[in-house]
Amino acid sequence: MNNILLVEDDEVDIMNFKLAFKQIKVTNPLFVAANQIELLAIRIHRKKFCKVTLNFARFEYA
């Protein structure tokens, strides 16, 4: 089973990501890093991660 590493500093986005994973029944371990320092600390201790890149567009309504 692959680990999933989420690099995100927005708590709401993290909660949405976890909720979406729960809804689609993803059981892979999820690790969250809020910045590059946390990312490096996690990567030092855990070697294998599944790489997924997501870019969410931000919309502003006038």
PDB file of N, CA and C in Angstrom:
ATOM      1  N   MET A   1       0.854  -1.173   0.000  1.00  0.00           N
ATOM      2  CA  MET A   1       0.000   0.000   0.000  1.00  0.00           C
ATOM      3  C   MET A   1       0.901   1.237   0.000  1.00  0.00           C
ATOM      4  N   ASN A   2       0.662   2.156  -0.933  1.00  0.00           N
ATOM      5  CA  ASN A   2       1.462   3.369  -1.027  1.00  0.00           C
ATOM      6  C   ASN A   2       1.011   4.415  -0.028  1.00  0.00           C
ATOM      7  N   ASN A   3       1.981   5.136   0.525  1.00  0.00           N
ATOM      8  CA  ASN A   3       1.697   6.286   1.373  1.00  0.00           C
ATOM      9  C   ASN A   3       1.359   7.466   0.487  1.00  0.00           C
ATOM     10  N   ILE A   4       0.549   8.367   1.005  1.00  0.00           N
ATOM     11  CA  ILE A   4       0.209   9.580   0.276  1.00  0.00           C
ATOM     12  C   ILE A   4       0.701  10.761   1.095  1.00  0.00           C
ATOM     13  N   LEU A   5       1.435  11.642   0.436  1.00  0.00           N
ATOM     14  CA  LEU A   5       1.980  12.826   1.092  1.00  0.00           C
ATOM     15  C   LEU A   5       1.309  14.061   0.515  1.00  0.00           C
ATOM     16  N   LEU A   6       0.616  14.785   1.362  1.00  0.00           N
ATOM     17  CA  LEU A   6      -0.068  16.012   0.961  1.00  0.00           C
ATOM     18  C   LEU A   6       0.738  17.191   1.493  1.00  0.00           C
ATOM     19  N   VAL A   7       1.141  18.081   0.597  1.00  0.00           N
ATOM     20  CA  VAL A   7       1.838  19.299   1.003  1.00  0.00           C
ATOM     21  C   VAL A   7       0.861  20.447   0.828  1.00  0.00           C
ATOM     22  N   GLU A   8       0.374  20.942   1.944  1.00  0.00           N
ATOM     23  CA  GLU A   8      -0.673  21.969   1.914  1.00  0.00           C
ATOM     24  C   GLU A   8      -0.618  22.748   3.218  1.00  0.00           C
ATOM     25  N   ASP A   9      -0.742  24.071   3.126  1.00  0.00           N
ATOM     26  CA  ASP A   9      -0.695  24.888   4.335  1.00  0.00           C
ATOM     27  C   ASP A   9      -2.060  25.422   4.761  1.00  0.00           C
ATOM     28  N   ASP A  10      -3.077  25.182   3.973  1.00  0.00           N
ATOM     29  CA  ASP A  10      -4.419  25.669   4.288  1.00  0.00           C
ATOM     30  C   ASP A  10      -5.216  24.561   4.968  1.00  0.00           C
ATOM     31  N   GLU A  11      -5.631  24.819   6.212  1.00  0.00           N
ATOM     32  CA  GLU A  11      -6.341  23.803   7.003  1.00  0.00           C
ATOM     33  C   GLU A  11      -7.658  23.372   6.352  1.00  0.00           C
ATOM     34  N   VAL A  12      -8.344  24.296   5.722  1.00  0.00           N
ATOM     35  CA  VAL A  12      -9.620  23.958   5.068  1.00  0.00           C
ATOM     36  C   VAL A  12      -9.369  23.013   3.900  1.00  0.00           C
ATOM     37  N   ASP A  13      -8.335  23.279   3.109  1.00  0.00           N
ATOM     38  CA  ASP A  13      -8.011  22.393   1.998  1.00  0.00           C
ATOM     39  C   ASP A  13      -7.618  21.002   2.496  1.00  0.00           C
ATOM     40  N   ILE A  14      -6.908  20.951   3.608  1.00  0.00           N
ATOM     41  CA  ILE A  14      -6.525  19.660   4.192  1.00  0.00           C
ATOM     42  C   ILE A  14      -7.767  18.893   4.624  1.00  0.00           C
ATOM     43  N   MET A  15      -8.690  19.567   5.294  1.00  0.00           N
ATOM     44  CA  MET A  15      -9.927  18.908   5.731  1.00  0.00           C
ATOM     45  C   MET A  15     -10.734  18.428   4.534  1.00  0.00           C
ATOM     46  N   ASN A  16     -10.808  19.225   3.473  1.00  0.00           N
ATOM     47  CA  ASN A  16     -11.541  18.826   2.266  1.00  0.00           C
ATOM     48  C   ASN A  16     -10.899  17.611   1.611  1.00  0.00           C
ATOM     49  N   PHE A  17      -9.590  17.597   1.572  1.00  0.00           N
ATOM     50  CA  PHE A  17      -8.863  16.468   0.999  1.00  0.00           C
ATOM     51  C   PHE A  17      -9.145  15.189   1.791  1.00  0.00           C
ATOM     52  N   LYS A  18      -9.065  15.275   3.122  1.00  0.00           N
ATOM     53  CA  LYS A  18      -9.336  14.112   3.971  1.00  0.00           C
ATOM     54  C   LYS A  18     -10.780  13.638   3.822  1.00  0.00           C
ATOM     55  N   LEU A  19     -11.711  14.578   3.745  1.00  0.00           N
ATOM     56  CA  LEU A  19     -13.118  14.224   3.574  1.00  0.00           C
ATOM     57  C   LEU A  19     -13.351  13.523   2.247  1.00  0.00           C
ATOM     58  N   ALA A  20     -12.741  14.036   1.183  1.00  0.00           N
ATOM     59  CA  ALA A  20     -12.885  13.409  -0.126  1.00  0.00           C
ATOM     60  C   ALA A  20     -12.322  11.992  -0.115  1.00  0.00           C
ATOM     61  N   PHE A  21     -11.172  11.803   0.518  1.00  0.00           N
ATOM     62  CA  PHE A  21     -10.586  10.467   0.615  1.00  0.00           C
ATOM     63  C   PHE A  21     -11.485   9.529   1.404  1.00  0.00           C
ATOM     64  N   LYS A  22     -12.081  10.031   2.472  1.00  0.00           N
ATOM     65  CA  LYS A  22     -12.975   9.206   3.284  1.00  0.00           C
ATOM     66  C   LYS A  22     -14.211   8.802   2.471  1.00  0.00           C
ATOM     67  N   GLN A  23     -14.745   9.736   1.688  1.00  0.00           N
ATOM     68  CA  GLN A  23     -15.945   9.469   0.898  1.00  0.00           C
ATOM     69  C   GLN A  23     -15.702   8.425  -0.185  1.00  0.00           C
ATOM     70  N   ILE A  24     -14.516   8.420  -0.766  1.00  0.00           N
ATOM     71  CA  ILE A  24     -14.230   7.433  -1.811  1.00  0.00           C
ATOM     72  C   ILE A  24     -13.487   6.216  -1.259  1.00  0.00           C
ATOM     73  N   LYS A  25     -13.401   6.156   0.072  1.00  0.00           N
ATOM     74  CA  LYS A  25     -12.854   4.995   0.789  1.00  0.00           C
ATOM     75  C   LYS A  25     -11.395   4.691   0.450  1.00  0.00           C
ATOM     76  N   VAL A  26     -10.581   5.741   0.401  1.00  0.00           N
ATOM     77  CA  VAL A  26      -9.140   5.559   0.236  1.00  0.00           C
ATOM     78  C   VAL A  26      -8.568   5.214   1.600  1.00  0.00           C
ATOM     79  N   THR A  27      -7.862   4.103   1.690  1.00  0.00           N
ATOM     80  CA  THR A  27      -7.337   3.649   2.982  1.00  0.00           C
ATOM     81  C   THR A  27      -5.819   3.794   3.091  1.00  0.00           C
ATOM     82  N   ASN A  28      -5.186   4.347   2.070  1.00  0.00           N
ATOM     83  CA  ASN A  28      -3.745   4.540   2.115  1.00  0.00           C
ATOM     84  C   ASN A  28      -3.383   5.532   3.233  1.00  0.00           C
ATOM     85  N   PRO A  29      -2.251   5.316   3.881  1.00  0.00           N
ATOM     86  CA  PRO A  29      -1.822   6.265   4.914  1.00  0.00           C
ATOM     87  C   PRO A  29      -1.577   7.650   4.311  1.00  0.00           C
ATOM     88  N   LEU A  30      -2.091   8.682   4.975  1.00  0.00           N
ATOM     89  CA  LEU A  30      -1.952  10.054   4.508  1.00  0.00           C
ATOM     90  C   LEU A  30      -1.068  10.823   5.472  1.00  0.00           C
ATOM     91  N   PHE A  31      -0.029  11.449   4.936  1.00  0.00           N
ATOM     92  CA  PHE A  31       0.865  12.300   5.712  1.00  0.00           C
ATOM     93  C   PHE A  31       0.701  13.715   5.185  1.00  0.00           C
ATOM     94  N   VAL A  32       0.668  14.695   6.097  1.00  0.00           N
ATOM     95  CA  VAL A  32       0.466  16.082   5.701  1.00  0.00           C
ATOM     96  C   VAL A  32       1.656  16.917   6.144  1.00  0.00           C
ATOM     97  N   ALA A  33       2.210  17.672   5.201  1.00  0.00           N
ATOM     98  CA  ALA A  33       3.277  18.625   5.488  1.00  0.00           C
ATOM     99  C   ALA A  33       2.765  20.014   5.150  1.00  0.00           C
ATOM    100  N   ALA A  34       2.952  20.943   6.068  1.00  0.00           N
ATOM    101  CA  ALA A  34       2.460  22.303   5.847  1.00  0.00           C
ATOM    102  C   ALA A  34       3.492  23.203   5.175  1.00  0.00           C
ATOM    103  N   ASN A  35       4.740  22.753   5.151  1.00  0.00           N
ATOM    104  CA  ASN A  35       5.788  23.566   4.531  1.00  0.00           C
ATOM    105  C   ASN A  35       6.954  22.666   4.123  1.00  0.00           C
ATOM    106  N   GLN A  36       7.988  23.280   3.538  1.00  0.00           N
ATOM    107  CA  GLN A  36       9.119  22.499   3.028  1.00  0.00           C
ATOM    108  C   GLN A  36       9.903  21.813   4.137  1.00  0.00           C
ATOM    109  N   ILE A  37       9.991  22.419   5.298  1.00  0.00           N
ATOM    110  CA  ILE A  37      10.728  21.810   6.410  1.00  0.00           C
ATOM    111  C   ILE A  37      10.030  20.539   6.866  1.00  0.00           C
ATOM    112  N   GLU A  38       8.718  20.602   7.015  1.00  0.00           N
ATOM    113  CA  GLU A  38       7.961  19.408   7.391  1.00  0.00           C
ATOM    114  C   GLU A  38       8.046  18.349   6.298  1.00  0.00           C
ATOM    115  N   LEU A  39       8.008  18.787   5.047  1.00  0.00           N
ATOM    116  CA  LEU A  39       8.124  17.864   3.921  1.00  0.00           C
ATOM    117  C   LEU A  39       9.437  17.092   3.991  1.00  0.00           C
ATOM    118  N   LEU A  40      10.537  17.788   4.200  1.00  0.00           N
ATOM    119  CA  LEU A  40      11.841  17.123   4.289  1.00  0.00           C
ATOM    120  C   LEU A  40      11.909  16.177   5.480  1.00  0.00           C
ATOM    121  N   ALA A  41      11.349  16.579   6.610  1.00  0.00           N
ATOM    122  CA  ALA A  41      11.352  15.720   7.795  1.00  0.00           C
ATOM    123  C   ALA A  41      10.589  14.422   7.540  1.00  0.00           C
ATOM    124  N   ILE A  42       9.459  14.510   6.869  1.00  0.00           N
ATOM    125  CA  ILE A  42       8.676  13.314   6.553  1.00  0.00           C
ATOM    126  C   ILE A  42       9.421  12.450   5.549  1.00  0.00           C
ATOM    127  N   ARG A  43       9.991  13.065   4.532  1.00  0.00           N
ATOM    128  CA  ARG A  43      10.695  12.309   3.481  1.00  0.00           C
ATOM    129  C   ARG A  43      11.928  11.594   4.018  1.00  0.00           C
ATOM    130  N   ILE A  44      12.576  12.143   5.027  1.00  0.00           N
ATOM    131  CA  ILE A  44      13.746  11.483   5.606  1.00  0.00           C
ATOM    132  C   ILE A  44      13.344  10.168   6.265  1.00  0.00           C
ATOM    133  N   HIS A  45      12.190  10.146   6.920  1.00  0.00           N
ATOM    134  CA  HIS A  45      11.768   8.970   7.679  1.00  0.00           C
ATOM    135  C   HIS A  45      10.964   7.969   6.859  1.00  0.00           C
ATOM    136  N   ARG A  46      10.316   8.426   5.823  1.00  0.00           N
ATOM    137  CA  ARG A  46       9.499   7.542   4.981  1.00  0.00           C
ATOM    138  C   ARG A  46       9.974   7.688   3.544  1.00  0.00           C
ATOM    139  N   LYS A  47      10.357   6.602   2.935  1.00  0.00           N
ATOM    140  CA  LYS A  47      10.985   6.670   1.616  1.00  0.00           C
ATOM    141  C   LYS A  47      10.012   6.586   0.446  1.00  0.00           C
ATOM    142  N   LYS A  48       8.946   5.837   0.569  1.00  0.00           N
ATOM    143  CA  LYS A  48       8.078   5.583  -0.584  1.00  0.00           C
ATOM    144  C   LYS A  48       6.749   6.316  -0.451  1.00  0.00           C
ATOM    145  N   PHE A  49       6.464   7.115  -1.470  1.00  0.00           N
ATOM    146  CA  PHE A  49       5.190   7.824  -1.533  1.00  0.00           C
ATOM    147  C   PHE A  49       4.650   7.747  -2.948  1.00  0.00           C
ATOM    148  N   CYS A  50       3.368   7.763  -3.052  1.00  0.00           N
ATOM    149  CA  CYS A  50       2.702   7.867  -4.338  1.00  0.00           C
ATOM    150  C   CYS A  50       2.701   9.346  -4.713  1.00  0.00           C
ATOM    151  N   LYS A  51       3.132   9.685  -5.921  1.00  0.00           N
ATOM    152  CA  LYS A  51       3.191  11.085  -6.330  1.00  0.00           C
ATOM    153  C   LYS A  51       1.961  11.443  -7.159  1.00  0.00           C
ATOM    154  N   VAL A  52       1.207  12.393  -6.647  1.00  0.00           N
ATOM    155  CA  VAL A  52       0.041  12.920  -7.350  1.00  0.00           C
ATOM    156  C   VAL A  52       0.117  14.436  -7.253  1.00  0.00           C
ATOM    157  N   THR A  53      -0.013  15.101  -8.366  1.00  0.00           N
ATOM    158  CA  THR A  53       0.015  16.559  -8.370  1.00  0.00           C
ATOM    159  C   THR A  53      -1.368  17.072  -8.706  1.00  0.00           C
ATOM    160  N   LEU A  54      -1.887  17.888  -7.820  1.00  0.00           N
ATOM    161  CA  LEU A  54      -3.205  18.476  -8.027  1.00  0.00           C
ATOM    162  C   LEU A  54      -3.075  19.990  -8.002  1.00  0.00           C
ATOM    163  N   ASN A  55      -3.629  20.641  -8.982  1.00  0.00           N
ATOM    164  CA  ASN A  55      -3.676  22.097  -8.998  1.00  0.00           C
ATOM    165  C   ASN A  55      -5.135  22.509  -9.031  1.00  0.00           C
ATOM    166  N   PHE A  56      -5.572  23.142  -7.961  1.00  0.00           N
ATOM    167  CA  PHE A  56      -6.941  23.602  -7.896  1.00  0.00           C
ATOM    168  C   PHE A  56      -6.978  25.073  -8.258  1.00  0.00           C
ATOM    169  N   ALA A  57      -7.827  25.420  -9.208  1.00  0.00           N
ATOM    170  CA  ALA A  57      -7.955  26.809  -9.616  1.00  0.00           C
ATOM    171  C   ALA A  57      -8.675  27.588  -8.514  1.00  0.00           C
ATOM    172  N   ARG A  58      -8.218  28.752  -8.287  1.00  0.00           N
ATOM    173  CA  ARG A  58      -8.859  29.629  -7.314  1.00  0.00           C
ATOM    174  C   ARG A  58      -9.712  30.642  -8.082  1.00  0.00           C
ATOM    175  N   PHE A  59     -10.947  30.772  -7.670  1.00  0.00           N
ATOM    176  CA  PHE A  59     -11.848  31.690  -8.335  1.00  0.00           C
ATOM    177  C   PHE A  59     -12.231  32.814  -7.376  1.00  0.00           C
ATOM    178  N   GLU A  60     -12.285  33.993  -7.900  1.00  0.00           N
ATOM    179  CA  GLU A  60     -12.748  35.122  -7.119  1.00  0.00           C
ATOM    180  C   GLU A  60     -14.018  35.640  -7.766  1.00  0.00           C
ATOM    181  N   TYR A  61     -15.028  35.833  -6.955  1.00  0.00           N
ATOM    182  CA  TYR A  61     -16.310  36.321  -7.454  1.00  0.00           C
ATOM    183  C   TYR A  61     -16.456  37.801  -7.114  1.00  0.00           C
ATOM    184  N   ALA A  62     -16.857  38.562  -8.094  1.00  0.00           N
ATOM    185  CA  ALA A  62     -17.026  40.015  -7.877  1.00  0.00           C
ATOM    186  C   ALA A  62     -18.431  40.310  -7.402  1.00  0.00           C
TER     187      ALA A  62
END
